[in-house]
Amino acid sequence: NRLSREEMEKYSVFKNYEPGDPNCRIYVKNLAKQ
């Protein structure tokens, strides 16, 4: 159920995506209201 890199490029939320500096906390966005 994971998008491929090619599919991600079609979504604006992945535009200029940067993973950030590694640490033990992660940030998740674009979550559905359910």
Full PDB file with SEQRES, HELIX, SHEET, SSBOND, CRYST1, ORIGX, SCALE, CONECT and MASTER records, all heavy atoms in Angstrom:
SEQRES   1 A   34  ASN ARG LEU SER ARG GLU GLU MET GLU LYS TYR SER VAL          
SEQRES   2 A   34  PHE LYS ASN TYR GLU PRO GLY ASP PRO ASN CYS ARG ILE          
SEQRES   3 A   34  TYR VAL LYS ASN LEU ALA LYS GLN                              
HELIX    1 AA1 ARG A    5  MET A    8  1                                   4    
HELIX    2 AA2 SER A   12  PHE A   14  5                                   3    
CRYST1    1.000    1.000    1.000  90.00  90.00  90.00 P 1           1          
ORIGX1      1.000000  0.000000  0.000000        0.00000                         
ORIGX2      0.000000  1.000000  0.000000        0.00000                         
ORIGX3      0.000000  0.000000  1.000000        0.00000                         
SCALE1      1.000000  0.000000  0.000000        0.00000                         
SCALE2      0.000000  1.000000  0.000000        0.00000                         
SCALE3      0.000000  0.000000  1.000000        0.00000                         
ATOM      1  N   ASN A   1       0.805  -1.226   0.000  1.00  0.00           N  
ATOM      2  CA  ASN A   1       0.000   0.000   0.000  1.00  0.00           C  
ATOM      3  C   ASN A   1       0.838   1.277   0.000  1.00  0.00           C  
ATOM      4  O   ASN A   1       0.337   2.347   0.317  1.00  0.00           O  
ATOM      5  CB  ASN A   1      -0.928  -0.001   1.224  1.00  0.00           C  
ATOM      6  CG  ASN A   1      -1.957  -1.110   1.140  1.00  0.00           C  
ATOM      7  OD1 ASN A   1      -2.705  -1.202   0.181  1.00  0.00           O  
ATOM      8  ND2 ASN A   1      -1.981  -1.974   2.145  1.00  0.00           N  
ATOM      9  N   ARG A   2       2.115   1.150  -0.347  1.00  0.00           N  
ATOM     10  CA  ARG A   2       2.980   2.324  -0.383  1.00  0.00           C  
ATOM     11  C   ARG A   2       3.157   2.803  -1.824  1.00  0.00           C  
ATOM     12  O   ARG A   2       3.329   1.996  -2.729  1.00  0.00           O  
ATOM     13  CB  ARG A   2       4.336   1.979   0.237  1.00  0.00           C  
ATOM     14  CG  ARG A   2       5.214   3.195   0.471  1.00  0.00           C  
ATOM     15  CD  ARG A   2       6.472   2.812   1.237  1.00  0.00           C  
ATOM     16  NE  ARG A   2       7.313   1.921   0.436  1.00  0.00           N  
ATOM     17  CZ  ARG A   2       8.015   0.910   0.919  1.00  0.00           C  
ATOM     18  NH1 ARG A   2       7.951   0.614   2.201  1.00  0.00           N  
ATOM     19  NH2 ARG A   2       8.749   0.172   0.134  1.00  0.00           N  
ATOM     20  N   LEU A   3       3.146   4.105  -2.007  1.00  0.00           N  
ATOM     21  CA  LEU A   3       3.350   4.668  -3.347  1.00  0.00           C  
ATOM     22  C   LEU A   3       4.802   4.505  -3.775  1.00  0.00           C  
ATOM     23  O   LEU A   3       5.715   4.551  -2.951  1.00  0.00           O  
ATOM     24  CB  LEU A   3       3.017   6.171  -3.347  1.00  0.00           C  
ATOM     25  CG  LEU A   3       1.577   6.597  -3.044  1.00  0.00           C  
ATOM     26  CD1 LEU A   3       1.490   8.111  -3.044  1.00  0.00           C  
ATOM     27  CD2 LEU A   3       0.591   6.010  -4.038  1.00  0.00           C  
ATOM     28  N   SER A   4       4.992   4.329  -5.077  1.00  0.00           N  
ATOM     29  CA  SER A   4       6.355   4.296  -5.607  1.00  0.00           C  
ATOM     30  C   SER A   4       6.851   5.741  -5.741  1.00  0.00           C  
ATOM     31  O   SER A   4       6.075   6.683  -5.624  1.00  0.00           O  
ATOM     32  CB  SER A   4       6.364   3.625  -6.985  1.00  0.00           C  
ATOM     33  OG  SER A   4       5.647   4.431  -7.908  1.00  0.00           O  
ATOM     34  N   ARG A   5       8.139   5.898  -5.982  1.00  0.00           N  
ATOM     35  CA  ARG A   5       8.688   7.262  -6.133  1.00  0.00           C  
ATOM     36  C   ARG A   5       8.011   8.008  -7.272  1.00  0.00           C  
ATOM     37  O   ARG A   5       7.743   9.203  -7.183  1.00  0.00           O  
ATOM     38  CB  ARG A   5      10.196   7.194  -6.399  1.00  0.00           C  
ATOM     39  CG  ARG A   5      11.005   7.000  -5.143  1.00  0.00           C  
ATOM     40  CD  ARG A   5      12.484   7.121  -5.427  1.00  0.00           C  
ATOM     41  NE  ARG A   5      13.275   6.894  -4.231  1.00  0.00           N  
ATOM     42  CZ  ARG A   5      14.589   6.889  -4.201  1.00  0.00           C  
ATOM     43  NH1 ARG A   5      15.266   7.103  -5.316  1.00  0.00           N  
ATOM     44  NH2 ARG A   5      15.243   6.685  -3.081  1.00  0.00           N  
ATOM     45  N   GLU A   6       7.762   7.279  -8.370  1.00  0.00           N  
ATOM     46  CA  GLU A   6       7.115   7.897  -9.535  1.00  0.00           C  
ATOM     47  C   GLU A   6       5.713   8.390  -9.163  1.00  0.00           C  
ATOM     48  O   GLU A   6       5.295   9.472  -9.569  1.00  0.00           O  
ATOM     49  CB  GLU A   6       7.013   6.894 -10.697  1.00  0.00           C  
ATOM     50  CG  GLU A   6       8.344   6.508 -11.325  1.00  0.00           C  
ATOM     51  CD  GLU A   6       9.139   5.507 -10.484  1.00  0.00           C  
ATOM     52  OE1 GLU A   6       8.533   4.868  -9.589  1.00  0.00           O  
ATOM     53  OE2 GLU A   6      10.351   5.381 -10.700  1.00  0.00           O  
ATOM     54  N   GLU A   7       4.988   7.571  -8.377  1.00  0.00           N  
ATOM     55  CA  GLU A   7       3.627   7.963  -7.975  1.00  0.00           C  
ATOM     56  C   GLU A   7       3.653   9.147  -7.015  1.00  0.00           C  
ATOM     57  O   GLU A   7       2.792  10.028  -7.071  1.00  0.00           O  
ATOM     58  CB  GLU A   7       2.920   6.776  -7.313  1.00  0.00           C  
ATOM     59  CG  GLU A   7       2.555   5.669  -8.302  1.00  0.00           C  
ATOM     60  CD  GLU A   7       2.058   4.408  -7.613  1.00  0.00           C  
ATOM     61  OE1 GLU A   7       2.615   4.034  -6.550  1.00  0.00           O  
ATOM     62  OE2 GLU A   7       1.103   3.798  -8.123  1.00  0.00           O  
ATOM     63  N   MET A   8       4.660   9.178  -6.140  1.00  0.00           N  
ATOM     64  CA  MET A   8       4.769  10.294  -5.187  1.00  0.00           C  
ATOM     65  C   MET A   8       4.933  11.627  -5.900  1.00  0.00           C  
ATOM     66  O   MET A   8       4.426  12.658  -5.436  1.00  0.00           O  
ATOM     67  CB  MET A   8       5.971  10.078  -4.254  1.00  0.00           C  
ATOM     68  CG  MET A   8       5.737   9.047  -3.164  1.00  0.00           C  
ATOM     69  SD  MET A   8       7.179   8.951  -2.065  1.00  0.00           S  
ATOM     70  CE  MET A   8       6.874   7.373  -1.267  1.00  0.00           C  
ATOM     71  N   GLU A   9       5.640  11.601  -7.019  1.00  0.00           N  
ATOM     72  CA  GLU A   9       5.898  12.844  -7.751  1.00  0.00           C  
ATOM     73  C   GLU A   9       4.608  13.487  -8.268  1.00  0.00           C  
ATOM     74  O   GLU A   9       4.571  14.681  -8.547  1.00  0.00           O  
ATOM     75  CB  GLU A   9       6.850  12.574  -8.925  1.00  0.00           C  
ATOM     76  CG  GLU A   9       8.283  12.304  -8.467  1.00  0.00           C  
ATOM     77  CD  GLU A   9       9.183  11.836  -9.604  1.00  0.00           C  
ATOM     78  OE1 GLU A   9       8.710  11.820 -10.765  1.00  0.00           O  
ATOM     79  OE2 GLU A   9      10.354  11.497  -9.342  1.00  0.00           O  
ATOM     80  N   LYS A  10       3.548  12.706  -8.365  1.00  0.00           N  
ATOM     81  CA  LYS A  10       2.266  13.227  -8.854  1.00  0.00           C  
ATOM     82  C   LYS A  10       1.511  13.998  -7.772  1.00  0.00           C  
ATOM     83  O   LYS A  10       0.543  14.695  -8.050  1.00  0.00           O  
ATOM     84  CB  LYS A  10       1.396  12.081  -9.375  1.00  0.00           C  
ATOM     85  CG  LYS A  10       1.989  11.356 -10.579  1.00  0.00           C  
ATOM     86  CD  LYS A  10       1.152  10.146 -10.937  1.00  0.00           C  
ATOM     87  CE  LYS A  10       1.813   9.318 -12.046  1.00  0.00           C  
ATOM     88  NZ  LYS A  10       1.072   8.086 -12.322  1.00  0.00           N  
ATOM     89  N   TYR A  11       1.921  13.839  -6.519  1.00  0.00           N  
ATOM     90  CA  TYR A  11       1.238  14.503  -5.406  1.00  0.00           C  
ATOM     91  C   TYR A  11       1.997  15.755  -4.977  1.00  0.00           C  
ATOM     92  O   TYR A  11       3.211  15.728  -4.772  1.00  0.00           O  
ATOM     93  CB  TYR A  11       1.126  13.559  -4.204  1.00  0.00           C  
ATOM     94  CG  TYR A  11       0.139  12.431  -4.392  1.00  0.00           C  
ATOM     95  CD1 TYR A  11       0.512  11.272  -5.081  1.00  0.00           C  
ATOM     96  CD2 TYR A  11      -1.164  12.502  -3.880  1.00  0.00           C  
ATOM     97  CE1 TYR A  11      -0.385  10.222  -5.253  1.00  0.00           C  
ATOM     98  CE2 TYR A  11      -2.062  11.465  -4.041  1.00  0.00           C  
ATOM     99  CZ  TYR A  11      -1.667  10.323  -4.729  1.00  0.00           C  
ATOM    100  OH  TYR A  11      -2.563   9.294  -4.894  1.00  0.00           O  
ATOM    101  N   SER A  12       1.260  16.849  -4.796  1.00  0.00           N  
ATOM    102  CA  SER A  12       1.898  18.108  -4.402  1.00  0.00           C  
ATOM    103  C   SER A  12       2.499  18.034  -3.000  1.00  0.00           C  
ATOM    104  O   SER A  12       3.461  18.739  -2.696  1.00  0.00           O  
ATOM    105  CB  SER A  12       0.873  19.254  -4.460  1.00  0.00           C  
ATOM    106  OG  SER A  12      -0.225  18.959  -3.604  1.00  0.00           O  
ATOM    107  N   VAL A  13       1.944  17.156  -2.131  1.00  0.00           N  
ATOM    108  CA  VAL A  13       2.461  17.061  -0.753  1.00  0.00           C  
ATOM    109  C   VAL A  13       3.899  16.529  -0.706  1.00  0.00           C  
ATOM    110  O   VAL A  13       4.601  16.725   0.281  1.00  0.00           O  
ATOM    111  CB  VAL A  13       1.554  16.162   0.137  1.00  0.00           C  
ATOM    112  CG1 VAL A  13       0.263  16.869   0.474  1.00  0.00           C  
ATOM    113  CG2 VAL A  13       1.313  14.809  -0.497  1.00  0.00           C  
ATOM    114  N   PHE A  14       4.318  15.855  -1.778  1.00  0.00           N  
ATOM    115  CA  PHE A  14       5.683  15.322  -1.805  1.00  0.00           C  
ATOM    116  C   PHE A  14       6.647  16.240  -2.573  1.00  0.00           C  
ATOM    117  O   PHE A  14       7.817  15.921  -2.727  1.00  0.00           O  
ATOM    118  CB  PHE A  14       5.707  13.923  -2.430  1.00  0.00           C  
ATOM    119  CG  PHE A  14       5.047  12.876  -1.578  1.00  0.00           C  
ATOM    120  CD1 PHE A  14       3.782  12.411  -1.880  1.00  0.00           C  
ATOM    121  CD2 PHE A  14       5.690  12.356  -0.454  1.00  0.00           C  
ATOM    122  CE1 PHE A  14       3.158  11.453  -1.093  1.00  0.00           C  
ATOM    123  CE2 PHE A  14       5.084  11.400   0.337  1.00  0.00           C  
ATOM    124  CZ  PHE A  14       3.810  10.948   0.026  1.00  0.00           C  
ATOM    125  N   LYS A  15       6.126  17.384  -3.028  1.00  0.00           N  
ATOM    126  CA  LYS A  15       6.975  18.321  -3.760  1.00  0.00           C  
ATOM    127  C   LYS A  15       7.996  18.909  -2.787  1.00  0.00           C  
ATOM    128  O   LYS A  15       7.666  19.305  -1.670  1.00  0.00           O  
ATOM    129  CB  LYS A  15       6.106  19.450  -4.355  1.00  0.00           C  
ATOM    130  CG  LYS A  15       6.855  20.297  -5.371  1.00  0.00           C  
ATOM    131  CD  LYS A  15       5.935  21.348  -5.965  1.00  0.00           C  
ATOM    132  CE  LYS A  15       6.707  22.196  -6.961  1.00  0.00           C  
ATOM    133  NZ  LYS A  15       5.856  23.264  -7.536  1.00  0.00           N  
ATOM    134  N   ASN A  16       9.250  18.947  -3.202  1.00  0.00           N  
ATOM    135  CA  ASN A  16      10.355  19.445  -2.361  1.00  0.00           C  
ATOM    136  C   ASN A  16      10.471  18.663  -1.047  1.00  0.00           C  
ATOM    137  O   ASN A  16      10.840  19.221  -0.010  1.00  0.00           O  
ATOM    138  CB  ASN A  16      10.176  20.940  -2.049  1.00  0.00           C  
ATOM    139  CG  ASN A  16      10.073  21.770  -3.323  1.00  0.00           C  
ATOM    140  OD1 ASN A  16      10.751  21.506  -4.310  1.00  0.00           O  
ATOM    141  ND2 ASN A  16       9.212  22.780  -3.307  1.00  0.00           N  
ATOM    142  N   TYR A  17      10.142  17.397  -1.102  1.00  0.00           N  
ATOM    143  CA  TYR A  17      10.211  16.569   0.119  1.00  0.00           C  
ATOM    144  C   TYR A  17      11.646  16.430   0.623  1.00  0.00           C  
ATOM    145  O   TYR A  17      12.566  16.172  -0.134  1.00  0.00           O  
ATOM    146  CB  TYR A  17       9.646  15.175  -0.163  1.00  0.00           C  
ATOM    147  CG  TYR A  17       9.873  14.181   0.973  1.00  0.00           C  
ATOM    148  CD1 TYR A  17       9.029  14.178   2.083  1.00  0.00           C  
ATOM    149  CD2 TYR A  17      10.936  13.285   0.933  1.00  0.00           C  
ATOM    150  CE1 TYR A  17       9.246  13.291   3.132  1.00  0.00           C  
ATOM    151  CE2 TYR A  17      11.156  12.395   1.974  1.00  0.00           C  
ATOM    152  CZ  TYR A  17      10.311  12.408   3.078  1.00  0.00           C  
ATOM    153  OH  TYR A  17      10.527  11.530   4.112  1.00  0.00           O  
ATOM    154  N   GLU A  18      11.817  16.651   1.916  1.00  0.00           N  
ATOM    155  CA  GLU A  18      13.123  16.456   2.564  1.00  0.00           C  
ATOM    156  C   GLU A  18      12.887  15.636   3.827  1.00  0.00           C  
ATOM    157  O   GLU A  18      12.013  15.981   4.633  1.00  0.00           O  
ATOM    158  CB  GLU A  18      13.738  17.812   2.950  1.00  0.00           C  
ATOM    159  CG  GLU A  18      14.261  18.625   1.776  1.00  0.00           C  
ATOM    160  CD  GLU A  18      15.508  18.031   1.141  1.00  0.00           C  
ATOM    161  OE1 GLU A  18      16.211  17.271   1.825  1.00  0.00           O  
ATOM    162  OE2 GLU A  18      15.768  18.315  -0.046  1.00  0.00           O  
ATOM    163  N   PRO A  19      13.638  14.540   4.028  1.00  0.00           N  
ATOM    164  CA  PRO A  19      13.412  13.727   5.228  1.00  0.00           C  
ATOM    165  C   PRO A  19      13.792  14.419   6.523  1.00  0.00           C  
ATOM    166  O   PRO A  19      13.250  14.126   7.587  1.00  0.00           O  
ATOM    167  CB  PRO A  19      14.293  12.495   4.991  1.00  0.00           C  
ATOM    168  CG  PRO A  19      15.323  12.930   4.010  1.00  0.00           C  
ATOM    169  CD  PRO A  19      14.671  13.974   3.155  1.00  0.00           C  
ATOM    170  N   GLY A  20      14.727  15.395   6.458  1.00  0.00           N  
ATOM    171  CA  GLY A  20      15.159  16.101   7.652  1.00  0.00           C  
ATOM    172  C   GLY A  20      16.332  15.418   8.339  1.00  0.00           C  
ATOM    173  O   GLY A  20      16.859  14.419   7.848  1.00  0.00           O  
ATOM    174  N   ASP A  21      16.729  15.966   9.470  1.00  0.00           N  
ATOM    175  CA  ASP A  21      17.878  15.422  10.213  1.00  0.00           C  
ATOM    176  C   ASP A  21      17.433  14.249  11.081  1.00  0.00           C  
ATOM    177  O   ASP A  21      16.466  14.373  11.853  1.00  0.00           O  
ATOM    178  CB  ASP A  21      18.500  16.504  11.101  1.00  0.00           C  
ATOM    179  CG  ASP A  21      19.053  17.659  10.269  1.00  0.00           C  
ATOM    180  OD1 ASP A  21      19.587  17.380   9.172  1.00  0.00           O  
ATOM    181  OD2 ASP A  21      18.933  18.823  10.701  1.00  0.00           O  
ATOM    182  N   PRO A  22      18.124  13.106  10.976  1.00  0.00           N  
ATOM    183  CA  PRO A  22      17.725  11.911  11.734  1.00  0.00           C  
ATOM    184  C   PRO A  22      17.690  12.130  13.245  1.00  0.00           C  
ATOM    185  O   PRO A  22      18.600  12.724  13.819  1.00  0.00           O  
ATOM    186  CB  PRO A  22      18.814  10.886  11.368  1.00  0.00           C  
ATOM    187  CG  PRO A  22      19.350  11.353  10.058  1.00  0.00           C  
ATOM    188  CD  PRO A  22      19.286  12.846  10.116  1.00  0.00           C  
ATOM    189  N   ASN A  23      16.610  11.714  13.864  1.00  0.00           N  
ATOM    190  CA  ASN A  23      16.484  11.664  15.323  1.00  0.00           C  
ATOM    191  C   ASN A  23      15.400  10.653  15.653  1.00  0.00           C  
ATOM    192  O   ASN A  23      14.859  10.007  14.747  1.00  0.00           O  
ATOM    193  CB  ASN A  23      16.199  13.057  15.912  1.00  0.00           C  
ATOM    194  CG  ASN A  23      14.851  13.610  15.471  1.00  0.00           C  
ATOM    195  OD1 ASN A  23      13.822  13.283  16.050  1.00  0.00           O  
ATOM    196  ND2 ASN A  23      14.852  14.446  14.425  1.00  0.00           N  
ATOM    197  N   CYS A  24      15.078  10.496  16.912  1.00  0.00           N  
ATOM    198  CA  CYS A  24      14.151   9.420  17.284  1.00  0.00           C  
ATOM    199  C   CYS A  24      12.680   9.818  17.215  1.00  0.00           C  
ATOM    200  O   CYS A  24      11.790   9.029  17.564  1.00  0.00           O  
ATOM    201  CB  CYS A  24      14.488   8.883  18.676  1.00  0.00           C  
ATOM    202  SG  CYS A  24      14.309  10.119  19.968  1.00  0.00           S  
ATOM    203  N   ARG A  25      12.402  11.029  16.754  1.00  0.00           N  
ATOM    204  CA  ARG A  25      10.994  11.452  16.587  1.00  0.00           C  
ATOM    205  C   ARG A  25      10.693  11.684  15.114  1.00  0.00           C  
ATOM    206  O   ARG A  25      11.504  12.246  14.388  1.00  0.00           O  
ATOM    207  CB  ARG A  25      10.730  12.752  17.365  1.00  0.00           C  
ATOM    208  CG  ARG A  25      10.415  12.521  18.827  1.00  0.00           C  
ATOM    209  CD  ARG A  25      10.386  13.839  19.582  1.00  0.00           C  
ATOM    210  NE  ARG A  25       9.240  14.670  19.217  1.00  0.00           N  
ATOM    211  CZ  ARG A  25       8.011  14.480  19.676  1.00  0.00           C  
ATOM    212  NH1 ARG A  25       7.743  13.470  20.468  1.00  0.00           N  
ATOM    213  NH2 ARG A  25       7.026  15.283  19.329  1.00  0.00           N  
ATOM    214  N   ILE A  26       9.517  11.236  14.707  1.00  0.00           N  
ATOM    215  CA  ILE A  26       9.114  11.473  13.314  1.00  0.00           C  
ATOM    216  C   ILE A  26       7.840  12.314  13.273  1.00  0.00           C  
ATOM    217  O   ILE A  26       7.038  12.315  14.203  1.00  0.00           O  
ATOM    218  CB  ILE A  26       8.913  10.155  12.521  1.00  0.00           C  
ATOM    219  CG1 ILE A  26       7.913   9.235  13.210  1.00  0.00           C  
ATOM    220  CG2 ILE A  26      10.230   9.461  12.281  1.00  0.00           C  
ATOM    221  CD1 ILE A  26       7.594   7.985  12.412  1.00  0.00           C  
ATOM    222  N   TYR A  27       7.718  13.030  12.181  1.00  0.00           N  
ATOM    223  CA  TYR A  27       6.587  13.925  11.959  1.00  0.00           C  
ATOM    224  C   TYR A  27       5.808  13.382  10.761  1.00  0.00           C  
ATOM    225  O   TYR A  27       6.375  13.092   9.716  1.00  0.00           O  
ATOM    226  CB  TYR A  27       7.121  15.335  11.683  1.00  0.00           C  
ATOM    227  CG  TYR A  27       6.133  16.302  11.074  1.00  0.00           C  
ATOM    228  CD1 TYR A  27       4.987  16.676  11.763  1.00  0.00           C  
ATOM    229  CD2 TYR A  27       6.360  16.856   9.815  1.00  0.00           C  
ATOM    230  CE1 TYR A  27       4.081  17.580  11.212  1.00  0.00           C  
ATOM    231  CE2 TYR A  27       5.477  17.757   9.251  1.00  0.00           C  
ATOM    232  CZ  TYR A  27       4.330  18.118   9.967  1.00  0.00           C  
ATOM    233  OH  TYR A  27       3.448  18.995   9.416  1.00  0.00           O  
ATOM    234  N   VAL A  28       4.503  13.217  10.937  1.00  0.00           N  
ATOM    235  CA  VAL A  28       3.653  12.664   9.875  1.00  0.00           C  
ATOM    236  C   VAL A  28       2.581  13.689   9.518  1.00  0.00           C  
ATOM    237  O   VAL A  28       1.920  14.241  10.410  1.00  0.00           O  
ATOM    238  CB  VAL A  28       2.972  11.348  10.328  1.00  0.00           C  
ATOM    239  CG1 VAL A  28       2.198  10.717   9.174  1.00  0.00           C  
ATOM    240  CG2 VAL A  28       4.007  10.364  10.853  1.00  0.00           C  
ATOM    241  N   LYS A  29       2.423  13.949   8.235  1.00  0.00           N  
ATOM    242  CA  LYS A  29       1.366  14.874   7.804  1.00  0.00           C  
ATOM    243  C   LYS A  29       0.566  14.274   6.645  1.00  0.00           C  
ATOM    244  O   LYS A  29       0.847  13.178   6.187  1.00  0.00           O  
ATOM    245  CB  LYS A  29       1.962  16.226   7.418  1.00  0.00           C  
ATOM    246  CG  LYS A  29       2.858  16.212   6.187  1.00  0.00           C  
ATOM    247  CD  LYS A  29       3.369  17.618   5.904  1.00  0.00           C  
ATOM    248  CE  LYS A  29       4.252  17.628   4.649  1.00  0.00           C  
ATOM    249  NZ  LYS A  29       4.753  18.954   4.323  1.00  0.00           N  
ATOM    250  N   ASN A  30      -0.452  15.030   6.212  1.00  0.00           N  
ATOM    251  CA  ASN A  30      -1.381  14.596   5.160  1.00  0.00           C  
ATOM    252  C   ASN A  30      -2.207  13.382   5.609  1.00  0.00           C  
ATOM    253  O   ASN A  30      -2.510  12.484   4.832  1.00  0.00           O  
ATOM    254  CB  ASN A  30      -0.636  14.268   3.860  1.00  0.00           C  
ATOM    255  CG  ASN A  30      -1.571  14.273   2.642  1.00  0.00           C  
ATOM    256  OD1 ASN A  30      -2.393  15.176   2.499  1.00  0.00           O  
ATOM    257  ND2 ASN A  30      -1.471  13.261   1.798  1.00  0.00           N  
ATOM    258  N   LEU A  31      -2.563  13.374   6.884  1.00  0.00           N  
ATOM    259  CA  LEU A  31      -3.380  12.277   7.412  1.00  0.00           C  
ATOM    260  C   LEU A  31      -4.857  12.553   7.150  1.00  0.00           C  
ATOM    261  O   LEU A  31      -5.327  13.685   7.268  1.00  0.00           O  
ATOM    262  CB  LEU A  31      -3.151  12.124   8.918  1.00  0.00           C  
ATOM    263  CG  LEU A  31      -1.752  11.657   9.340  1.00  0.00           C  
ATOM    264  CD1 LEU A  31      -1.593  11.778  10.848  1.00  0.00           C  
ATOM    265  CD2 LEU A  31      -1.503  10.219   8.893  1.00  0.00           C  
ATOM    266  N   ALA A  32      -5.593  11.511   6.816  1.00  0.00           N  
ATOM    267  CA  ALA A  32      -7.030  11.629   6.586  1.00  0.00           C  
ATOM    268  C   ALA A  32      -7.739  11.926   7.908  1.00  0.00           C  
ATOM    269  O   ALA A  32      -7.246  11.583   8.991  1.00  0.00           O  
ATOM    270  CB  ALA A  32      -7.564  10.336   5.980  1.00  0.00           C  
ATOM    271  N   LYS A  33      -8.911  12.550   7.823  1.00  0.00           N  
ATOM    272  CA  LYS A  33      -9.616  12.948   9.061  1.00  0.00           C  
ATOM    273  C   LYS A  33     -10.092  11.740   9.872  1.00  0.00           C  
ATOM    274  O   LYS A  33     -10.313  11.836  11.073  1.00  0.00           O  
ATOM    275  CB  LYS A  33     -10.803  13.859   8.715  1.00  0.00           C  
ATOM    276  CG  LYS A  33     -11.849  13.230   7.805  1.00  0.00           C  
ATOM    277  CD  LYS A  33     -12.946  14.226   7.479  1.00  0.00           C  
ATOM    278  CE  LYS A  33     -13.984  13.618   6.536  1.00  0.00           C  
ATOM    279  NZ  LYS A  33     -15.049  14.590   6.186  1.00  0.00           N  
ATOM    280  N   GLN A  34     -10.215  10.561   9.205  1.00  0.00           N  
ATOM    281  CA  GLN A  34     -10.662   9.356   9.929  1.00  0.00           C  
ATOM    282  C   GLN A  34      -9.553   8.726  10.772  1.00  0.00           C  
ATOM    283  O   GLN A  34      -9.812   7.869  11.603  1.00  0.00           O  
ATOM    284  CB  GLN A  34     -11.150   8.271   8.947  1.00  0.00           C  
ATOM    285  CG  GLN A  34     -12.228   8.726   7.996  1.00  0.00           C  
ATOM    286  CD  GLN A  34     -11.641   9.043   6.625  1.00  0.00           C  
ATOM    287  OE1 GLN A  34     -10.741   9.871   6.524  1.00  0.00           O  
ATOM    288  NE2 GLN A  34     -12.150   8.404   5.579  1.00  0.00           N  
TER     289      GLN A  34                                                      
MASTER        0    0    0    2    0    0    0    6  288    1    0    3          
END                                                                             
